[in-house]
Amino acid sequence: MTEPRLLITICTYNECENVPKLIPEIHEFAPDADVLVIDDNSPDGTGEIADRMSEEDKRIHVLHREGKLGLGTATTAGFQYAIDNGYDQLLNMDADFSHHPRYLPALRDCMSRVEVAIGSRYVPGGGVEGWNFRRHFMSQGINFYARTLLRLKTRDNSGAFRCFNVEKLKRLDFSKIRAKGYAFQEEILYLCRRIGCQFEETPIIFEDRRFGTSKINNKECFIALWVIFRLGIDNLLRRPIERIADNTATSESDS
């Protein structure tokens, strides 16, 4: 059986030390996959490094954006690229080795059974290395908050290590997604649940970044809480989802 055509996306901002090491490791575990680097005009030259790599390997592609426009919009740009270029599956992962490529085969295996596969820190066998108490508390808190307000049954709703069925992504109107930053991770799972996606989580060990600095700050956390709260109100009031790309009406009975 032919493997589904897979696009792996990595969103970058100042990841010049990680990208040249990460992409070869991705291809060690998924040699058939194309890789799309979505760079937000990194001042450290990440985009130029990716360009040089793409000249040497036809599996590598680069999408340059005009500035730092947010993780959510970068990820949706990758979704649109996968749709426009006829991929079957899209797998998104962090650019800093927090998501190790050795887990790629397990995520791909999940996709034979479901529409969304999640590399999960919070199922048996999963975990986190290198975090202090504050990071653990914030992550566990936001996951509980999202499960409660958005009726998500998955344990890890704030991570970015996921694989999606592109046919399902075609149903979403990305222009109406509220979250521009890190709350996108919870919002996209909420939307996928509402359009009937099945989920599966596979354990990963999340490793703190090897190089560079984290982009998460207190402002992003507060914005995420607010966006999830607004989505929770939509869910509670059974508001219809108006995010279908072809503008067809949708009836949702599980809101």
C-alpha atoms as a PDB file:
ATOM      1  CA  MET A   1       0.000   0.000   0.000  1.00  0.00           C
ATOM      2  CA  THR A   2       1.260   3.483  -0.887  1.00  0.00           C
ATOM      3  CA  GLU A   3       2.001   5.724   2.072  1.00  0.00           C
ATOM      4  CA  PRO A   4      -0.223   8.829   2.336  1.00  0.00           C
ATOM      5  CA  ARG A   5       1.512  11.925   1.002  1.00  0.00           C
ATOM      6  CA  LEU A   6       2.830  13.676   4.118  1.00  0.00           C
ATOM      7  CA  LEU A   7       3.848  17.282   4.731  1.00  0.00           C
ATOM      8  CA  ILE A   8       5.707  18.094   7.956  1.00  0.00           C
ATOM      9  CA  THR A   9       5.543  21.761   8.955  1.00  0.00           C
ATOM     10  CA  ILE A  10       7.838  23.600  11.346  1.00  0.00           C
ATOM     11  CA  CYS A  11       7.124  27.226  12.255  1.00  0.00           C
ATOM     12  CA  THR A  12      10.288  29.193  12.912  1.00  0.00           C
ATOM     13  CA  TYR A  13      11.449  32.436  14.441  1.00  0.00           C
ATOM     14  CA  ASN A  14      15.152  32.618  15.297  1.00  0.00           C
ATOM     15  CA  GLU A  15      15.860  28.891  15.048  1.00  0.00           C
ATOM     16  CA  CYS A  16      19.108  29.068  13.041  1.00  0.00           C
ATOM     17  CA  GLU A  17      20.856  26.580  15.337  1.00  0.00           C
ATOM     18  CA  ASN A  18      18.045  24.023  15.328  1.00  0.00           C
ATOM     19  CA  VAL A  19      16.769  23.860  11.742  1.00  0.00           C
ATOM     20  CA  PRO A  20      19.965  22.505  10.074  1.00  0.00           C
ATOM     21  CA  LYS A  21      20.053  19.668  12.624  1.00  0.00           C
ATOM     22  CA  LEU A  22      16.326  18.976  12.875  1.00  0.00           C
ATOM     23  CA  ILE A  23      15.419  18.468   9.218  1.00  0.00           C
ATOM     24  CA  PRO A  24      17.977  15.697   8.587  1.00  0.00           C
ATOM     25  CA  GLU A  25      16.652  13.879  11.674  1.00  0.00           C
ATOM     26  CA  ILE A  26      13.091  14.270  10.406  1.00  0.00           C
ATOM     27  CA  HIS A  27      14.116  12.600   7.168  1.00  0.00           C
ATOM     28  CA  GLU A  28      15.850   9.825   9.098  1.00  0.00           C
ATOM     29  CA  PHE A  29      12.470   8.785  10.528  1.00  0.00           C
ATOM     30  CA  ALA A  30      10.228   9.919   7.653  1.00  0.00           C
ATOM     31  CA  PRO A  31      12.327   9.833   4.461  1.00  0.00           C
ATOM     32  CA  ASP A  32       9.268  10.119   2.210  1.00  0.00           C
ATOM     33  CA  ALA A  33       7.929  13.276   3.860  1.00  0.00           C
ATOM     34  CA  ASP A  34       8.208  16.803   2.528  1.00  0.00           C
ATOM     35  CA  VAL A  35       9.180  19.478   5.048  1.00  0.00           C
ATOM     36  CA  LEU A  36       7.826  23.021   4.968  1.00  0.00           C
ATOM     37  CA  VAL A  37       9.675  25.672   6.990  1.00  0.00           C
ATOM     38  CA  ILE A  38       7.348  28.597   7.756  1.00  0.00           C
ATOM     39  CA  ASP A  39       9.635  31.431   8.760  1.00  0.00           C
ATOM     40  CA  ASP A  40       8.476  34.748  10.213  1.00  0.00           C
ATOM     41  CA  ASN A  41      11.374  36.813   8.807  1.00  0.00           C
ATOM     42  CA  SER A  42      13.793  35.616  11.498  1.00  0.00           C
ATOM     43  CA  PRO A  43      16.544  38.205  12.045  1.00  0.00           C
ATOM     44  CA  ASP A  44      19.038  35.416  12.795  1.00  0.00           C
ATOM     45  CA  GLY A  45      18.871  34.127   9.204  1.00  0.00           C
ATOM     46  CA  THR A  46      16.774  30.997   9.768  1.00  0.00           C
ATOM     47  CA  GLY A  47      14.872  31.603   6.535  1.00  0.00           C
ATOM     48  CA  GLU A  48      18.046  31.928   4.478  1.00  0.00           C
ATOM     49  CA  ILE A  49      19.433  28.716   5.973  1.00  0.00           C
ATOM     50  CA  ALA A  50      16.213  26.920   5.041  1.00  0.00           C
ATOM     51  CA  ASP A  51      16.436  28.330   1.513  1.00  0.00           C
ATOM     52  CA  ARG A  52      19.925  26.895   1.080  1.00  0.00           C
ATOM     53  CA  MET A  53      18.760  23.517   2.362  1.00  0.00           C
ATOM     54  CA  SER A  54      15.820  23.532  -0.063  1.00  0.00           C
ATOM     55  CA  GLU A  55      18.188  24.136  -2.983  1.00  0.00           C
ATOM     56  CA  GLU A  56      19.972  20.890  -2.089  1.00  0.00           C
ATOM     57  CA  ASP A  57      16.923  18.745  -1.246  1.00  0.00           C
ATOM     58  CA  LYS A  58      13.673  18.851  -3.217  1.00  0.00           C
ATOM     59  CA  ARG A  59      11.789  17.536  -0.159  1.00  0.00           C
ATOM     60  CA  ILE A  60      12.380  20.837   1.666  1.00  0.00           C
ATOM     61  CA  HIS A  61      10.227  23.892   1.006  1.00  0.00           C
ATOM     62  CA  VAL A  62      10.213  27.353   2.580  1.00  0.00           C
ATOM     63  CA  LEU A  63       7.401  29.815   3.169  1.00  0.00           C
ATOM     64  CA  HIS A  64       8.611  33.317   4.055  1.00  0.00           C
ATOM     65  CA  ARG A  65       6.280  35.618   5.972  1.00  0.00           C
ATOM     66  CA  GLU A  66       6.767  39.344   6.401  1.00  0.00           C
ATOM     67  CA  GLY A  67       7.188  39.331  10.168  1.00  0.00           C
ATOM     68  CA  LYS A  68       6.353  37.720  13.486  1.00  0.00           C
ATOM     69  CA  LEU A  69       2.602  37.238  12.944  1.00  0.00           C
ATOM     70  CA  GLY A  70       1.857  34.567  15.532  1.00  0.00           C
ATOM     71  CA  LEU A  71       2.137  30.813  15.868  1.00  0.00           C
ATOM     72  CA  GLY A  72      -1.519  30.238  15.033  1.00  0.00           C
ATOM     73  CA  THR A  73      -1.398  32.093  11.735  1.00  0.00           C
ATOM     74  CA  ALA A  74       1.873  30.362  10.826  1.00  0.00           C
ATOM     75  CA  THR A  75       0.339  26.947  11.452  1.00  0.00           C
ATOM     76  CA  THR A  76      -2.754  27.757   9.400  1.00  0.00           C
ATOM     77  CA  ALA A  77      -0.490  28.937   6.585  1.00  0.00           C
ATOM     78  CA  GLY A  78       0.984  25.455   6.649  1.00  0.00           C
ATOM     79  CA  PHE A  79      -2.500  23.935   6.578  1.00  0.00           C
ATOM     80  CA  GLN A  80      -3.367  25.977   3.500  1.00  0.00           C
ATOM     81  CA  TYR A  81      -0.126  24.968   1.805  1.00  0.00           C
ATOM     82  CA  ALA A  82      -0.947  21.290   2.389  1.00  0.00           C
ATOM     83  CA  ILE A  83      -4.433  21.772   0.916  1.00  0.00           C
ATOM     84  CA  ASP A  84      -3.190  23.732  -2.093  1.00  0.00           C
ATOM     85  CA  ASN A  85      -0.495  21.187  -2.897  1.00  0.00           C
ATOM     86  CA  GLY A  86      -2.520  18.002  -2.588  1.00  0.00           C
ATOM     87  CA  TYR A  87      -1.074  16.388   0.553  1.00  0.00           C
ATOM     88  CA  ASP A  88      -3.035  13.681   2.386  1.00  0.00           C
ATOM     89  CA  GLN A  89      -1.689  14.373   5.860  1.00  0.00           C
ATOM     90  CA  LEU A  90      -0.083  17.328   7.626  1.00  0.00           C
ATOM     91  CA  LEU A  91       2.122  16.850  10.663  1.00  0.00           C
ATOM     92  CA  ASN A  92       3.157  19.897  12.674  1.00  0.00           C
ATOM     93  CA  MET A  93       6.023  19.900  15.156  1.00  0.00           C
ATOM     94  CA  ASP A  94       8.165  22.397  17.044  1.00  0.00           C
ATOM     95  CA  ALA A  95      11.426  23.525  15.479  1.00  0.00           C
ATOM     96  CA  ASP A  96      13.546  23.264  18.631  1.00  0.00           C
ATOM     97  CA  PHE A  97      13.776  19.468  19.236  1.00  0.00           C
ATOM     98  CA  SER A  98      11.108  19.630  21.949  1.00  0.00           C
ATOM     99  CA  HIS A  99       9.313  17.163  19.682  1.00  0.00           C
ATOM    100  CA  HIS A 100      11.853  14.530  18.727  1.00  0.00           C
ATOM    101  CA  PRO A 101      11.521  13.034  15.235  1.00  0.00           C
ATOM    102  CA  ARG A 102      11.762   9.509  16.662  1.00  0.00           C
ATOM    103  CA  TYR A 103       8.043   9.762  17.443  1.00  0.00           C
ATOM    104  CA  LEU A 104       7.045  10.368  13.832  1.00  0.00           C
ATOM    105  CA  PRO A 105       6.379   6.686  12.995  1.00  0.00           C
ATOM    106  CA  ALA A 106       4.005   6.312  15.960  1.00  0.00           C
ATOM    107  CA  LEU A 107       2.032   9.412  14.961  1.00  0.00           C
ATOM    108  CA  ARG A 108       1.756   8.167  11.397  1.00  0.00           C
ATOM    109  CA  ASP A 109       0.542   4.791  12.612  1.00  0.00           C
ATOM    110  CA  CYS A 110      -2.283   6.489  14.547  1.00  0.00           C
ATOM    111  CA  MET A 111      -3.477   8.101  11.317  1.00  0.00           C
ATOM    112  CA  SER A 112      -4.533   4.701   9.977  1.00  0.00           C
ATOM    113  CA  ARG A 113      -7.307   4.778  12.597  1.00  0.00           C
ATOM    114  CA  VAL A 114      -8.191   8.437  13.236  1.00  0.00           C
ATOM    115  CA  GLU A 115      -8.248  11.900  11.655  1.00  0.00           C
ATOM    116  CA  VAL A 116      -6.109  13.642  14.301  1.00  0.00           C
ATOM    117  CA  ALA A 117      -3.089  12.118  16.043  1.00  0.00           C
ATOM    118  CA  ILE A 118      -1.510  13.857  19.038  1.00  0.00           C
ATOM    119  CA  GLY A 119       1.972  13.408  20.447  1.00  0.00           C
ATOM    120  CA  SER A 120       0.956  13.498  24.096  1.00  0.00           C
ATOM    121  CA  ARG A 121       2.881  14.321  27.253  1.00  0.00           C
ATOM    122  CA  TYR A 122      -0.037  13.343  29.467  1.00  0.00           C
ATOM    123  CA  VAL A 123      -0.906   9.756  28.585  1.00  0.00           C
ATOM    124  CA  PRO A 124       0.876   6.727  30.104  1.00  0.00           C
ATOM    125  CA  GLY A 125       4.426   6.615  28.815  1.00  0.00           C
ATOM    126  CA  GLY A 126       4.533  10.351  28.114  1.00  0.00           C
ATOM    127  CA  GLY A 127       6.254  13.051  30.106  1.00  0.00           C
ATOM    128  CA  VAL A 128       8.300  16.240  30.202  1.00  0.00           C
ATOM    129  CA  GLU A 129      12.000  16.829  30.803  1.00  0.00           C
ATOM    130  CA  GLY A 130      13.624  20.098  31.824  1.00  0.00           C
ATOM    131  CA  TRP A 131      10.632  22.046  33.155  1.00  0.00           C
ATOM    132  CA  ASN A 132      10.352  23.872  36.468  1.00  0.00           C
ATOM    133  CA  PHE A 133       7.246  23.798  38.670  1.00  0.00           C
ATOM    134  CA  ARG A 134       5.797  26.942  37.059  1.00  0.00           C
ATOM    135  CA  ARG A 135       5.873  25.461  33.548  1.00  0.00           C
ATOM    136  CA  HIS A 136       4.265  22.223  34.757  1.00  0.00           C
ATOM    137  CA  PHE A 137       1.555  24.140  36.624  1.00  0.00           C
ATOM    138  CA  MET A 138       0.754  26.368  33.640  1.00  0.00           C
ATOM    139  CA  SER A 139       0.567  23.455  31.208  1.00  0.00           C
ATOM    140  CA  GLN A 140      -1.574  21.233  33.404  1.00  0.00           C
ATOM    141  CA  GLY A 141      -3.837  24.162  34.251  1.00  0.00           C
ATOM    142  CA  ILE A 142      -4.463  25.203  30.650  1.00  0.00           C
ATOM    143  CA  ASN A 143      -5.190  21.593  29.681  1.00  0.00           C
ATOM    144  CA  PHE A 144      -7.753  21.185  32.470  1.00  0.00           C
ATOM    145  CA  TYR A 145      -9.298  24.528  31.512  1.00  0.00           C
ATOM    146  CA  ALA A 146      -9.584  23.520  27.845  1.00  0.00           C
ATOM    147  CA  ARG A 147     -11.023  20.073  28.606  1.00  0.00           C
ATOM    148  CA  THR A 148     -13.642  21.617  30.867  1.00  0.00           C
ATOM    149  CA  LEU A 149     -14.764  24.490  28.632  1.00  0.00           C
ATOM    150  CA  LEU A 150     -14.362  22.864  25.218  1.00  0.00           C
ATOM    151  CA  ARG A 151     -15.386  19.297  26.088  1.00  0.00           C
ATOM    152  CA  LEU A 152     -12.139  17.878  24.810  1.00  0.00           C
ATOM    153  CA  LYS A 153     -11.472  14.329  25.941  1.00  0.00           C
ATOM    154  CA  THR A 154      -7.825  14.368  24.903  1.00  0.00           C
ATOM    155  CA  ARG A 155      -5.253  14.820  27.653  1.00  0.00           C
ATOM    156  CA  ASP A 156      -2.706  16.997  25.846  1.00  0.00           C
ATOM    157  CA  ASN A 157      -4.499  19.919  24.212  1.00  0.00           C
ATOM    158  CA  SER A 158      -1.771  22.562  24.381  1.00  0.00           C
ATOM    159  CA  GLY A 159       1.040  20.812  22.543  1.00  0.00           C
ATOM    160  CA  ALA A 160       1.812  21.330  18.859  1.00  0.00           C
ATOM    161  CA  PHE A 161       3.038  17.825  17.917  1.00  0.00           C
ATOM    162  CA  ARG A 162       0.069  16.629  15.841  1.00  0.00           C
ATOM    163  CA  CYS A 163      -0.895  15.047  12.570  1.00  0.00           C
ATOM    164  CA  PHE A 164      -4.098  15.960  10.695  1.00  0.00           C
ATOM    165  CA  ASN A 165      -6.112  14.463   7.869  1.00  0.00           C
ATOM    166  CA  VAL A 166      -6.003  17.176   5.187  1.00  0.00           C
ATOM    167  CA  GLU A 167      -9.484  16.306   3.871  1.00  0.00           C
ATOM    168  CA  LYS A 168     -10.853  17.302   7.276  1.00  0.00           C
ATOM    169  CA  LEU A 169      -8.831  20.520   7.332  1.00  0.00           C
ATOM    170  CA  LYS A 170     -10.464  21.528   4.050  1.00  0.00           C
ATOM    171  CA  ARG A 171     -13.742  21.976   5.906  1.00  0.00           C
ATOM    172  CA  LEU A 172     -12.384  24.742   8.141  1.00  0.00           C
ATOM    173  CA  ASP A 173     -12.437  28.432   7.262  1.00  0.00           C
ATOM    174  CA  PHE A 174      -9.055  29.498   8.604  1.00  0.00           C
ATOM    175  CA  SER A 175      -9.849  33.196   8.273  1.00  0.00           C
ATOM    176  CA  LYS A 176     -12.348  32.901  11.120  1.00  0.00           C
ATOM    177  CA  ILE A 177     -10.054  31.216  13.631  1.00  0.00           C
ATOM    178  CA  ARG A 178      -9.746  33.509  16.640  1.00  0.00           C
ATOM    179  CA  ALA A 179      -6.390  32.548  18.103  1.00  0.00           C
ATOM    180  CA  LYS A 180      -3.292  34.067  16.556  1.00  0.00           C
ATOM    181  CA  GLY A 181      -0.880  32.670  19.147  1.00  0.00           C
ATOM    182  CA  TYR A 182      -0.630  29.655  21.419  1.00  0.00           C
ATOM    183  CA  ALA A 183      -4.379  29.298  22.054  1.00  0.00           C
ATOM    184  CA  PHE A 184      -4.554  28.042  18.483  1.00  0.00           C
ATOM    185  CA  GLN A 185      -3.580  24.595  19.767  1.00  0.00           C
ATOM    186  CA  GLU A 186      -6.774  24.268  21.796  1.00  0.00           C
ATOM    187  CA  GLU A 187      -8.970  26.006  19.234  1.00  0.00           C
ATOM    188  CA  ILE A 188      -8.021  23.720  16.352  1.00  0.00           C
ATOM    189  CA  LEU A 189      -8.801  20.619  18.424  1.00  0.00           C
ATOM    190  CA  TYR A 190     -12.146  22.134  19.391  1.00  0.00           C
ATOM    191  CA  LEU A 191     -12.968  22.795  15.728  1.00  0.00           C
ATOM    192  CA  CYS A 192     -11.860  19.322  14.703  1.00  0.00           C
ATOM    193  CA  ARG A 193     -14.079  17.810  17.384  1.00  0.00           C
ATOM    194  CA  ARG A 194     -17.038  19.827  16.136  1.00  0.00           C
ATOM    195  CA  ILE A 195     -16.643  18.531  12.577  1.00  0.00           C
ATOM    196  CA  GLY A 196     -16.520  14.934  13.776  1.00  0.00           C
ATOM    197  CA  CYS A 197     -12.814  14.070  13.863  1.00  0.00           C
ATOM    198  CA  GLN A 198     -11.671  11.067  15.849  1.00  0.00           C
ATOM    199  CA  PHE A 199      -8.545  11.525  17.993  1.00  0.00           C
ATOM    200  CA  GLU A 200      -5.764   9.304  19.254  1.00  0.00           C
ATOM    201  CA  GLU A 201      -2.876  10.189  21.554  1.00  0.00           C
ATOM    202  CA  THR A 202       0.516   8.497  21.467  1.00  0.00           C
ATOM    203  CA  PRO A 203       3.048   9.082  24.261  1.00  0.00           C
ATOM    204  CA  ILE A 204       6.051  11.352  23.803  1.00  0.00           C
ATOM    205  CA  ILE A 205       8.711  12.706  26.119  1.00  0.00           C
ATOM    206  CA  PHE A 206       8.783  16.468  25.651  1.00  0.00           C
ATOM    207  CA  GLU A 207      12.342  17.748  25.899  1.00  0.00           C
ATOM    208  CA  ASP A 208      13.069  21.405  26.619  1.00  0.00           C
ATOM    209  CA  ARG A 209      14.638  23.227  23.660  1.00  0.00           C
ATOM    210  CA  ARG A 210      18.305  22.596  22.861  1.00  0.00           C
ATOM    211  CA  PHE A 211      19.121  26.088  21.539  1.00  0.00           C
ATOM    212  CA  GLY A 212      17.513  29.525  21.612  1.00  0.00           C
ATOM    213  CA  THR A 213      14.864  30.867  23.946  1.00  0.00           C
ATOM    214  CA  SER A 214      11.202  30.069  24.498  1.00  0.00           C
ATOM    215  CA  LYS A 215       8.642  32.397  22.872  1.00  0.00           C
ATOM    216  CA  ILE A 216       5.992  31.849  25.601  1.00  0.00           C
ATOM    217  CA  ASN A 217       5.316  34.785  27.949  1.00  0.00           C
ATOM    218  CA  ASN A 218       2.651  35.877  30.423  1.00  0.00           C
ATOM    219  CA  LYS A 219       0.797  37.964  27.829  1.00  0.00           C
ATOM    220  CA  GLU A 220       0.400  34.911  25.567  1.00  0.00           C
ATOM    221  CA  CYS A 221      -0.927  32.902  28.505  1.00  0.00           C
ATOM    222  CA  PHE A 222      -3.597  35.474  29.359  1.00  0.00           C
ATOM    223  CA  ILE A 223      -4.654  35.755  25.712  1.00  0.00           C
ATOM    224  CA  ALA A 224      -4.951  31.964  25.533  1.00  0.00           C
ATOM    225  CA  LEU A 225      -7.190  31.884  28.603  1.00  0.00           C
ATOM    226  CA  TRP A 226      -9.439  34.559  27.112  1.00  0.00           C
ATOM    227  CA  VAL A 227      -9.741  32.879  23.705  1.00  0.00           C
ATOM    228  CA  ILE A 228     -10.570  29.508  25.282  1.00  0.00           C
ATOM    229  CA  PHE A 229     -13.168  31.190  27.502  1.00  0.00           C
ATOM    230  CA  ARG A 230     -14.869  32.742  24.451  1.00  0.00           C
ATOM    231  CA  LEU A 231     -14.870  29.388  22.675  1.00  0.00           C
ATOM    232  CA  GLY A 232     -16.339  27.826  25.800  1.00  0.00           C
ATOM    233  CA  ILE A 233     -19.224  30.319  25.695  1.00  0.00           C
ATOM    234  CA  ASP A 234     -19.836  29.398  22.041  1.00  0.00           C
ATOM    235  CA  ASN A 235     -19.897  25.758  23.054  1.00  0.00           C
ATOM    236  CA  LEU A 236     -22.216  26.335  26.016  1.00  0.00           C
ATOM    237  CA  LEU A 237     -24.708  28.341  23.937  1.00  0.00           C
ATOM    238  CA  ARG A 238     -24.641  25.778  21.111  1.00  0.00           C
ATOM    239  CA  ARG A 239     -23.667  28.424  18.607  1.00  0.00           C
ATOM    240  CA  PRO A 240     -23.234  27.018  15.094  1.00  0.00           C
ATOM    241  CA  ILE A 241     -19.776  26.770  13.668  1.00  0.00           C
ATOM    242  CA  GLU A 242     -19.391  29.311  10.864  1.00  0.00           C
ATOM    243  CA  ARG A 243     -16.012  28.098   9.759  1.00  0.00           C
ATOM    244  CA  ILE A 244     -16.873  25.821   6.874  1.00  0.00           C
ATOM    245  CA  ALA A 245     -14.830  26.815   3.842  1.00  0.00           C
ATOM    246  CA  ASP A 246     -17.599  26.180   1.315  1.00  0.00           C
ATOM    247  CA  ASN A 247     -20.112  28.112   3.475  1.00  0.00           C
ATOM    248  CA  THR A 248     -22.458  25.126   3.665  1.00  0.00           C
ATOM    249  CA  ALA A 249     -24.653  24.898   6.716  1.00  0.00           C
ATOM    250  CA  THR A 250     -23.630  22.550   9.485  1.00  0.00           C
ATOM    251  CA  SER A 251     -25.715  21.096  12.250  1.00  0.00           C
ATOM    252  CA  GLU A 252     -23.834  20.147  15.375  1.00  0.00           C
ATOM    253  CA  SER A 253     -25.517  18.086  18.037  1.00  0.00           C
ATOM    254  CA  ASP A 254     -22.450  17.497  20.233  1.00  0.00           C
ATOM    255  CA  SER A 255     -21.742  21.103  21.236  1.00  0.00           C
END
